[in-house]
């Protein structure tokens, strides 16, 4: 297990720039009564990134973050 934080807001942006950042998995997703996003049995209604290529992500993200 890694101590790398999950950067949920910027991963979709990186994926738009380079879809190789994350393979998408079709899942049926619901938001439960407590506001948590959960997978549920049923016809897929979302394409979900379950694991990203961290090296590729940071190759995209860091130059943009550090740009003058």
N, C-alpha and C. Protein backbone atom coordinates (compact mmCIF):
# COMPACT_ATOMS: atom_id res chain seq x y z
N UNK A 1 0.84 -1.19 0.00
CA UNK A 1 0.00 0.00 0.00
C UNK A 1 0.87 1.24 0.00
N UNK A 2 0.43 2.25 -0.70
CA UNK A 2 1.18 3.49 -0.84
C UNK A 2 0.55 4.58 0.02
N UNK A 3 1.37 5.53 0.43
CA UNK A 3 0.87 6.68 1.17
C UNK A 3 0.51 7.84 0.25
N UNK A 4 0.47 7.58 -1.06
CA UNK A 4 0.17 8.60 -2.05
C UNK A 4 -1.29 9.04 -1.90
N UNK A 5 -1.54 10.35 -1.77
CA UNK A 5 -2.94 10.79 -1.64
C UNK A 5 -3.68 10.63 -2.96
N UNK A 6 -4.98 10.47 -2.88
CA UNK A 6 -5.83 10.44 -4.07
C UNK A 6 -6.23 11.87 -4.41
N UNK A 7 -5.98 12.27 -5.63
CA UNK A 7 -6.32 13.62 -6.08
C UNK A 7 -7.55 13.53 -6.97
N UNK A 8 -8.71 13.33 -6.35
CA UNK A 8 -9.92 13.03 -7.08
C UNK A 8 -10.33 14.12 -8.07
N UNK A 9 -10.11 15.38 -7.77
CA UNK A 9 -10.56 16.45 -8.65
C UNK A 9 -9.72 16.59 -9.90
N UNK A 10 -8.43 16.33 -9.82
CA UNK A 10 -7.57 16.56 -10.98
C UNK A 10 -7.37 15.31 -11.85
N UNK A 11 -7.65 14.13 -11.33
CA UNK A 11 -7.50 12.92 -12.15
C UNK A 11 -8.41 12.96 -13.38
N UNK A 12 -9.69 13.36 -13.27
CA UNK A 12 -10.50 13.44 -14.48
C UNK A 12 -9.96 14.43 -15.51
N UNK A 13 -9.38 15.52 -15.05
CA UNK A 13 -8.80 16.49 -15.97
C UNK A 13 -7.59 15.87 -16.67
N UNK A 14 -6.74 15.17 -15.91
CA UNK A 14 -5.59 14.49 -16.52
C UNK A 14 -6.07 13.44 -17.51
N UNK A 15 -7.15 12.73 -17.18
CA UNK A 15 -7.69 11.71 -18.08
C UNK A 15 -8.16 12.36 -19.39
N UNK A 16 -8.77 13.54 -19.31
CA UNK A 16 -9.20 14.24 -20.52
C UNK A 16 -8.00 14.58 -21.40
N UNK A 17 -6.88 14.94 -20.78
CA UNK A 17 -5.67 15.26 -21.53
C UNK A 17 -5.00 14.01 -22.09
N UNK A 18 -5.07 12.90 -21.35
CA UNK A 18 -4.43 11.65 -21.77
C UNK A 18 -5.18 10.47 -21.14
N UNK A 19 -6.09 9.83 -21.89
CA UNK A 19 -6.85 8.71 -21.35
C UNK A 19 -6.00 7.53 -20.87
N UNK A 20 -4.72 7.49 -21.22
CA UNK A 20 -3.85 6.42 -20.73
C UNK A 20 -3.61 6.54 -19.22
N UNK A 21 -3.97 7.67 -18.63
CA UNK A 21 -3.81 7.86 -17.19
C UNK A 21 -4.64 6.83 -16.41
N UNK A 22 -5.77 6.43 -16.98
CA UNK A 22 -6.66 5.54 -16.25
C UNK A 22 -7.52 4.72 -17.19
N UNK A 23 -7.53 3.41 -16.99
CA UNK A 23 -8.46 2.55 -17.69
C UNK A 23 -9.83 2.72 -17.03
N UNK A 24 -10.86 2.84 -17.83
CA UNK A 24 -12.20 3.00 -17.29
C UNK A 24 -12.92 1.66 -17.18
N UNK A 25 -13.69 1.51 -16.12
CA UNK A 25 -14.47 0.31 -15.87
C UNK A 25 -15.94 0.69 -15.79
N UNK A 26 -16.80 0.05 -16.59
CA UNK A 26 -18.22 0.36 -16.50
C UNK A 26 -18.83 -0.25 -15.22
N UNK A 27 -19.48 0.59 -14.41
CA UNK A 27 -20.10 0.14 -13.16
C UNK A 27 -21.46 0.82 -12.99
N UNK A 28 -22.30 0.20 -12.18
CA UNK A 28 -23.54 0.84 -11.77
C UNK A 28 -23.25 1.54 -10.44
N UNK A 29 -23.35 2.86 -10.44
CA UNK A 29 -22.99 3.67 -9.29
C UNK A 29 -24.24 4.35 -8.73
N UNK A 30 -24.35 4.37 -7.41
CA UNK A 30 -25.43 5.09 -6.73
C UNK A 30 -24.82 5.91 -5.60
N UNK A 31 -25.54 6.92 -5.17
CA UNK A 31 -25.17 7.68 -3.98
C UNK A 31 -26.14 7.24 -2.89
N UNK A 32 -25.58 6.69 -1.80
CA UNK A 32 -26.45 6.15 -0.75
C UNK A 32 -27.03 7.27 0.12
N UNK A 33 -27.88 6.89 1.07
CA UNK A 33 -28.60 7.88 1.91
C UNK A 33 -27.66 8.73 2.75
N UNK A 34 -26.40 8.27 2.93
CA UNK A 34 -25.43 9.03 3.70
C UNK A 34 -24.53 9.90 2.81
N UNK A 35 -24.79 9.85 1.49
CA UNK A 35 -24.02 10.67 0.56
C UNK A 35 -22.77 10.01 0.02
N UNK A 36 -22.59 8.71 0.30
CA UNK A 36 -21.41 7.99 -0.20
C UNK A 36 -21.69 7.40 -1.57
N UNK A 37 -20.71 7.47 -2.45
CA UNK A 37 -20.81 6.86 -3.77
C UNK A 37 -20.46 5.39 -3.64
N UNK A 38 -21.36 4.54 -4.12
CA UNK A 38 -21.20 3.09 -3.98
C UNK A 38 -21.49 2.38 -5.29
N UNK A 39 -20.80 1.26 -5.50
CA UNK A 39 -21.14 0.37 -6.61
C UNK A 39 -22.33 -0.47 -6.18
N UNK A 40 -23.22 -0.72 -7.14
CA UNK A 40 -24.40 -1.53 -6.87
C UNK A 40 -24.65 -2.41 -8.09
N UNK A 41 -25.24 -3.56 -7.87
CA UNK A 41 -25.58 -4.44 -8.99
C UNK A 41 -26.54 -3.71 -9.92
N UNK A 42 -26.38 -3.93 -11.21
CA UNK A 42 -27.28 -3.32 -12.18
C UNK A 42 -26.54 -2.91 -13.42
N UNK A 43 -27.28 -2.43 -14.39
CA UNK A 43 -26.72 -1.98 -15.66
C UNK A 43 -25.76 -0.81 -15.41
N UNK A 44 -24.55 -0.85 -15.99
CA UNK A 44 -23.60 0.25 -15.79
C UNK A 44 -24.21 1.60 -16.16
N UNK A 45 -23.97 2.58 -15.31
CA UNK A 45 -24.42 3.95 -15.57
C UNK A 45 -23.28 4.96 -15.49
N UNK A 46 -22.05 4.44 -15.34
CA UNK A 46 -20.88 5.31 -15.25
C UNK A 46 -19.63 4.56 -15.70
N UNK A 47 -18.66 5.31 -16.18
CA UNK A 47 -17.32 4.78 -16.47
C UNK A 47 -16.43 5.25 -15.33
N UNK A 48 -15.81 4.33 -14.62
CA UNK A 48 -15.13 4.64 -13.37
C UNK A 48 -13.64 4.32 -13.46
N UNK A 49 -12.83 5.23 -12.95
CA UNK A 49 -11.39 5.00 -12.84
C UNK A 49 -11.13 4.39 -11.46
N UNK A 50 -10.75 3.12 -11.45
CA UNK A 50 -10.51 2.44 -10.17
C UNK A 50 -9.05 2.54 -9.73
N UNK A 51 -8.15 2.72 -10.67
CA UNK A 51 -6.72 2.87 -10.36
C UNK A 51 -6.07 3.64 -11.49
N UNK A 52 -5.28 4.64 -11.13
CA UNK A 52 -4.63 5.45 -12.16
C UNK A 52 -3.15 5.09 -12.26
N UNK A 53 -2.58 5.43 -13.40
CA UNK A 53 -1.14 5.28 -13.63
C UNK A 53 -0.50 6.52 -12.99
N UNK A 54 -0.02 6.37 -11.76
CA UNK A 54 0.49 7.52 -11.02
C UNK A 54 1.66 8.20 -11.72
N UNK A 55 2.55 7.41 -12.29
CA UNK A 55 3.70 8.00 -12.98
C UNK A 55 3.23 8.87 -14.14
N UNK A 56 2.32 8.35 -14.95
CA UNK A 56 1.80 9.12 -16.10
C UNK A 56 1.04 10.35 -15.60
N UNK A 57 0.25 10.18 -14.56
CA UNK A 57 -0.49 11.31 -14.02
C UNK A 57 0.45 12.45 -13.64
N UNK A 58 1.50 12.14 -12.89
CA UNK A 58 2.41 13.20 -12.45
C UNK A 58 3.23 13.77 -13.60
N UNK A 59 3.46 13.01 -14.65
CA UNK A 59 4.11 13.56 -15.85
C UNK A 59 3.23 14.61 -16.52
N UNK A 60 1.93 14.46 -16.41
CA UNK A 60 0.98 15.44 -16.96
C UNK A 60 0.78 16.60 -15.98
N UNK A 61 0.58 16.28 -14.71
CA UNK A 61 0.18 17.26 -13.71
C UNK A 61 1.30 18.20 -13.28
N UNK A 62 2.46 17.67 -12.97
CA UNK A 62 3.53 18.50 -12.38
C UNK A 62 4.01 19.61 -13.29
N UNK A 63 4.27 19.36 -14.58
CA UNK A 63 4.71 20.50 -15.43
C UNK A 63 3.67 21.63 -15.47
N UNK A 64 2.40 21.29 -15.45
CA UNK A 64 1.36 22.31 -15.46
C UNK A 64 1.29 23.05 -14.13
N UNK A 65 1.49 22.32 -13.04
CA UNK A 65 1.46 22.92 -11.71
C UNK A 65 2.64 23.88 -11.52
N UNK A 66 3.79 23.52 -12.05
CA UNK A 66 5.01 24.30 -11.83
C UNK A 66 5.28 25.33 -12.92
N UNK A 67 4.41 25.39 -13.92
CA UNK A 67 4.61 26.32 -15.04
C UNK A 67 4.61 27.76 -14.56
N UNK A 68 5.51 28.55 -15.14
CA UNK A 68 5.60 29.98 -14.78
C UNK A 68 4.37 30.72 -15.22
